């Protein structure tokens, strides 16, 4: 029974660590990269929309 609790504890600890790592990555690294790409895509869309009017 105690082995089961140890295994469950390790799995839970890994889950918590991975969850925290994902939150940090999204809020700092990936979030910034994604926002830059979205802004670039919006600017390119404006250019395309402006050229389509002519």
PDB file of N, CA and C in Angstrom:
ATOM      1  N   UNK A   1       0.826  -1.200   0.000  1.00  0.00           N
ATOM      2  CA  UNK A   1       0.000   0.000   0.000  1.00  0.00           C
ATOM      3  C   UNK A   1       0.862   1.254   0.000  1.00  0.00           C
ATOM      4  N   UNK A   2       1.963   1.225   0.764  1.00  0.00           N
ATOM      5  CA  UNK A   2       2.812   2.420   0.799  1.00  0.00           C
ATOM      6  C   UNK A   2       3.525   2.613  -0.534  1.00  0.00           C
ATOM      7  N   UNK A   3       3.814   1.510  -1.235  1.00  0.00           N
ATOM      8  CA  UNK A   3       4.438   1.636  -2.554  1.00  0.00           C
ATOM      9  C   UNK A   3       3.493   2.352  -3.517  1.00  0.00           C
ATOM     10  N   UNK A   4       2.208   2.042  -3.421  1.00  0.00           N
ATOM     11  CA  UNK A   4       1.212   2.703  -4.260  1.00  0.00           C
ATOM     12  C   UNK A   4       1.205   4.201  -3.995  1.00  0.00           C
ATOM     13  N   UNK A   5       1.256   4.590  -2.722  1.00  0.00           N
ATOM     14  CA  UNK A   5       1.265   6.011  -2.379  1.00  0.00           C
ATOM     15  C   UNK A   5       2.541   6.689  -2.868  1.00  0.00           C
ATOM     16  N   UNK A   6       3.660   5.986  -2.820  1.00  0.00           N
ATOM     17  CA  UNK A   6       4.917   6.558  -3.321  1.00  0.00           C
ATOM     18  C   UNK A   6       4.836   6.792  -4.823  1.00  0.00           C
ATOM     19  N   UNK A   7       4.305   5.808  -5.537  1.00  0.00           N
ATOM     20  CA  UNK A   7       4.179   5.941  -6.990  1.00  0.00           C
ATOM     21  C   UNK A   7       3.225   7.080  -7.333  1.00  0.00           C
ATOM     22  N   UNK A   8       2.094   7.132  -6.655  1.00  0.00           N
ATOM     23  CA  UNK A   8       1.143   8.214  -6.902  1.00  0.00           C
ATOM     24  C   UNK A   8       1.742   9.572  -6.547  1.00  0.00           C
ATOM     25  N   UNK A   9       2.524   9.628  -5.487  1.00  0.00           N
ATOM     26  CA  UNK A   9       3.183  10.873  -5.097  1.00  0.00           C
ATOM     27  C   UNK A   9       4.172  11.348  -6.147  1.00  0.00           C
ATOM     28  N   UNK A  10       4.936  10.416  -6.701  1.00  0.00           N
ATOM     29  CA  UNK A  10       5.905  10.775  -7.744  1.00  0.00           C
ATOM     30  C   UNK A  10       5.174  11.270  -8.993  1.00  0.00           C
ATOM     31  N   UNK A  11       4.122  10.581  -9.384  1.00  0.00           N
ATOM     32  CA  UNK A  11       3.356  10.997 -10.565  1.00  0.00           C
ATOM     33  C   UNK A  11       2.750  12.378 -10.338  1.00  0.00           C
ATOM     34  N   UNK A  12       2.194  12.610  -9.159  1.00  0.00           N
ATOM     35  CA  UNK A  12       1.602  13.908  -8.848  1.00  0.00           C
ATOM     36  C   UNK A  12       2.661  15.003  -8.849  1.00  0.00           C
ATOM     37  N   UNK A  13       3.834  14.721  -8.276  1.00  0.00           N
ATOM     38  CA  UNK A  13       4.915  15.708  -8.243  1.00  0.00           C
ATOM     39  C   UNK A  13       5.371  16.050  -9.660  1.00  0.00           C
ATOM     40  N   UNK A  14       5.505  15.051 -10.522  1.00  0.00           N
ATOM     41  CA  UNK A  14       5.877  15.307 -11.916  1.00  0.00           C
ATOM     42  C   UNK A  14       4.820  16.146 -12.622  1.00  0.00           C
ATOM     43  N   UNK A  15       3.558  15.852 -12.361  1.00  0.00           N
ATOM     44  CA  UNK A  15       2.476  16.626 -12.955  1.00  0.00           C
ATOM     45  C   UNK A  15       2.560  18.088 -12.540  1.00  0.00           C
ATOM     46  N   UNK A  16       2.788  18.335 -11.258  1.00  0.00           N
ATOM     47  CA  UNK A  16       2.876  19.708 -10.760  1.00  0.00           C
ATOM     48  C   UNK A  16       4.071  20.424 -11.382  1.00  0.00           C
ATOM     49  N   UNK A  17       5.216  19.763 -11.435  1.00  0.00           N
ATOM     50  CA  UNK A  17       6.420  20.382 -12.005  1.00  0.00           C
ATOM     51  C   UNK A  17       6.199  20.711 -13.481  1.00  0.00           C
ATOM     52  N   UNK A  18       5.628  19.789 -14.238  1.00  0.00           N
ATOM     53  CA  UNK A  18       5.383  20.039 -15.656  1.00  0.00           C
ATOM     54  C   UNK A  18       4.353  21.143 -15.859  1.00  0.00           C
ATOM     55  N   UNK A  19       3.338  21.186 -15.016  1.00  0.00           N
ATOM     56  CA  UNK A  19       2.332  22.240 -15.116  1.00  0.00           C
ATOM     57  C   UNK A  19       2.962  23.606 -14.890  1.00  0.00           C
ATOM     58  N   UNK A  20       3.798  23.712 -13.864  1.00  0.00           N
ATOM     59  CA  UNK A  20       4.479  24.981 -13.582  1.00  0.00           C
ATOM     60  C   UNK A  20       5.398  25.357 -14.738  1.00  0.00           C
ATOM     61  N   UNK A  21       6.108  24.389 -15.301  1.00  0.00           N
ATOM     62  CA  UNK A  21       7.001  24.667 -16.432  1.00  0.00           C
ATOM     63  C   UNK A  21       6.216  25.169 -17.641  1.00  0.00           C
ATOM     64  N   UNK A  22       5.060  24.590 -17.902  1.00  0.00           N
ATOM     65  CA  UNK A  22       4.239  25.031 -19.029  1.00  0.00           C
ATOM     66  C   UNK A  22       3.737  26.448 -18.803  1.00  0.00           C
ATOM     67  N   UNK A  23       3.293  26.750 -17.590  1.00  0.00           N
ATOM     68  CA  UNK A  23       2.807  28.097 -17.285  1.00  0.00           C
ATOM     69  C   UNK A  23       3.917  29.121 -17.472  1.00  0.00           C
ATOM     70  N   UNK A  24       5.102  28.825 -16.968  1.00  0.00           N
ATOM     71  CA  UNK A  24       6.235  29.749 -17.102  1.00  0.00           C
ATOM     72  C   UNK A  24       6.590  29.928 -18.576  1.00  0.00           C
ATOM     73  N   UNK A  25       6.643  28.848 -19.331  1.00  0.00           N
ATOM     74  CA  UNK A  25       7.006  28.932 -20.746  1.00  0.00           C
ATOM     75  C   UNK A  25       5.983  29.747 -21.529  1.00  0.00           C
ATOM     76  N   UNK A  26       4.712  29.529 -21.260  1.00  0.00           N
ATOM     77  CA  UNK A  26       3.669  30.265 -21.973  1.00  0.00           C
ATOM     78  C   UNK A  26       3.682  31.743 -21.623  1.00  0.00           C
ATOM     79  N   UNK A  27       3.889  32.056 -20.358  1.00  0.00           N
ATOM     80  CA  UNK A  27       3.796  33.453 -19.944  1.00  0.00           C
ATOM     81  C   UNK A  27       5.024  34.253 -20.335  1.00  0.00           C
ATOM     82  N   UNK A  28       6.178  33.632 -20.413  1.00  0.00           N
ATOM     83  CA  UNK A  28       7.397  34.380 -20.731  1.00  0.00           C
ATOM     84  C   UNK A  28       7.872  34.107 -22.150  1.00  0.00           C
ATOM     85  N   UNK A  29       8.317  32.912 -22.426  1.00  0.00           N
ATOM     86  CA  UNK A  29       8.993  32.613 -23.694  1.00  0.00           C
ATOM     87  C   UNK A  29       7.991  32.473 -24.834  1.00  0.00           C
ATOM     88  N   UNK A  30       7.119  31.483 -24.751  1.00  0.00           N
ATOM     89  CA  UNK A  30       6.197  31.203 -25.846  1.00  0.00           C
ATOM     90  C   UNK A  30       5.169  32.286 -26.056  1.00  0.00           C
ATOM     91  N   UNK A  31       4.701  32.883 -24.980  1.00  0.00           N
ATOM     92  CA  UNK A  31       3.707  33.941 -25.109  1.00  0.00           C
ATOM     93  C   UNK A  31       4.244  35.129 -25.871  1.00  0.00           C
ATOM     94  N   UNK A  32       5.455  35.516 -25.577  1.00  0.00           N
ATOM     95  CA  UNK A  32       6.066  36.663 -26.257  1.00  0.00           C
ATOM     96  C   UNK A  32       6.271  36.342 -27.735  1.00  0.00           C
ATOM     97  N   UNK A  33       6.759  35.154 -28.017  1.00  0.00           N
ATOM     98  CA  UNK A  33       6.995  34.748 -29.408  1.00  0.00           C
ATOM     99  C   UNK A  33       5.679  34.713 -30.181  1.00  0.00           C
ATOM    100  N   UNK A  34       4.632  34.171 -29.561  1.00  0.00           N
ATOM    101  CA  UNK A  34       3.338  34.078 -30.228  1.00  0.00           C
ATOM    102  C   UNK A  34       2.747  35.463 -30.485  1.00  0.00           C
ATOM    103  N   UNK A  35       2.882  36.374 -29.510  1.00  0.00           N
ATOM    104  CA  UNK A  35       2.360  37.728 -29.701  1.00  0.00           C
ATOM    105  C   UNK A  35       3.074  38.439 -30.841  1.00  0.00           C
ATOM    106  N   UNK A  36       4.397  38.244 -30.944  1.00  0.00           N
ATOM    107  CA  UNK A  36       5.147  38.851 -32.054  1.00  0.00           C
ATOM    108  C   UNK A  36       4.652  38.314 -33.392  1.00  0.00           C
ATOM    109  N   UNK A  37       4.463  37.004 -33.475  1.00  0.00           N
ATOM    110  CA  UNK A  37       3.997  36.408 -34.726  1.00  0.00           C
ATOM    111  C   UNK A  37       2.593  36.888 -35.079  1.00  0.00           C
ATOM    112  N   UNK A  38       1.715  37.025 -34.068  1.00  0.00           N
ATOM    113  CA  UNK A  38       0.364  37.505 -34.334  1.00  0.00           C
ATOM    114  C   UNK A  38       0.389  38.948 -34.815  1.00  0.00           C
ATOM    115  N   UNK A  39       1.238  39.778 -34.212  1.00  0.00           N
ATOM    116  CA  UNK A  39       1.340  41.175 -34.627  1.00  0.00           C
ATOM    117  C   UNK A  39       1.859  41.266 -36.061  1.00  0.00           C
ATOM    118  N   UNK A  40       2.862  40.459 -36.379  1.00  0.00           N
ATOM    119  CA  UNK A  40       3.416  40.451 -37.733  1.00  0.00           C
ATOM    120  C   UNK A  40       2.351  40.007 -38.738  1.00  0.00           C
ATOM    121  N   UNK A  41       1.575  39.003 -38.382  1.00  0.00           N
ATOM    122  CA  UNK A  41       0.525  38.518 -39.275  1.00  0.00           C
ATOM    123  C   UNK A  41      -0.543  39.586 -39.481  1.00  0.00           C
ATOM    124  N   UNK A  42      -0.898  40.327 -38.417  1.00  0.00           N
ATOM    125  CA  UNK A  42      -1.882  41.403 -38.549  1.00  0.00           C
ATOM    126  C   UNK A  42      -1.377  42.496 -39.480  1.00  0.00           C
ATOM    127  N   UNK A  43      -0.095  42.870 -39.327  1.00  0.00           N
ATOM    128  CA  UNK A  43       0.477  43.907 -40.187  1.00  0.00           C
ATOM    129  C   UNK A  43       0.490  43.453 -41.644  1.00  0.00           C
ATOM    130  N   UNK A  44       0.859  42.200 -41.887  1.00  0.00           N
ATOM    131  CA  UNK A  44       0.865  41.682 -43.255  1.00  0.00           C
ATOM    132  C   UNK A  44      -0.548  41.643 -43.829  1.00  0.00           C
ATOM    133  N   UNK A  45      -1.530  41.336 -42.990  1.00  0.00           N
ATOM    134  CA  UNK A  45      -2.918  41.307 -43.452  1.00  0.00           C
ATOM    135  C   UNK A  45      -3.378  42.713 -43.827  1.00  0.00           C
ATOM    136  N   UNK A  46      -2.972  43.718 -43.049  1.00  0.00           N
ATOM    137  CA  UNK A  46      -3.329  45.105 -43.374  1.00  0.00           C
ATOM    138  C   UNK A  46      -2.729  45.505 -44.712  1.00  0.00           C
ATOM    139  N   UNK A  47      -1.478  45.104 -44.948  1.00  0.00           N
ATOM    140  CA  UNK A  47      -0.825  45.426 -46.220  1.00  0.00           C
ATOM    141  C   UNK A  47      -1.579  44.759 -47.363  1.00  0.00           C
ATOM    142  N   UNK A  48      -1.947  43.493 -47.186  1.00  0.00           N
ATOM    143  CA  UNK A  48      -2.679  42.779 -48.238  1.00  0.00           C
ATOM    144  C   UNK A  48      -4.049  43.409 -48.478  1.00  0.00           C
ATOM    145  N   UNK A  49      -4.732  43.796 -47.398  1.00  0.00           N
ATOM    146  CA  UNK A  49      -6.043  44.431 -47.536  1.00  0.00           C
ATOM    147  C   UNK A  49      -5.917  45.770 -48.249  1.00  0.00           C
ATOM    148  N   UNK A  50      -4.875  46.517 -47.949  1.00  0.00           N
ATOM    149  CA  UNK A  50      -4.657  47.810 -48.592  1.00  0.00           C
ATOM    150  C   UNK A  50      -4.358  47.668 -50.065  1.00  0.00           C
ATOM    151  N   UNK A  51      -3.633  46.639 -50.451  1.00  0.00           N
ATOM    152  CA  UNK A  51      -3.306  46.425 -51.862  1.00  0.00           C
ATOM    153  C   UNK A  51      -4.522  45.923 -52.630  1.00  0.00           C
ATOM    154  N   UNK A  52      -5.420  45.242 -51.953  1.00  0.00           N
ATOM    155  CA  UNK A  52      -6.605  44.716 -52.622  1.00  0.00           C
ATOM    156  C   UNK A  52      -7.596  45.796 -53.001  1.00  0.00           C
ATOM    157  N   UNK A  53      -7.540  46.964 -52.355  1.00  0.00           N
ATOM    158  CA  UNK A  53      -8.471  48.050 -52.641  1.00  0.00           C
ATOM    159  C   UNK A  53      -8.157  48.740 -53.958  1.00  0.00           C
ATOM    160  N   UNK A  54      -6.937  48.625 -54.437  1.00  0.00           N
ATOM    161  CA  UNK A  54      -6.521  49.372 -55.633  1.00  0.00           C
ATOM    162  C   UNK A  54      -6.961  48.692 -56.896  1.00  0.00           C
TER     163      UNK A  54
END
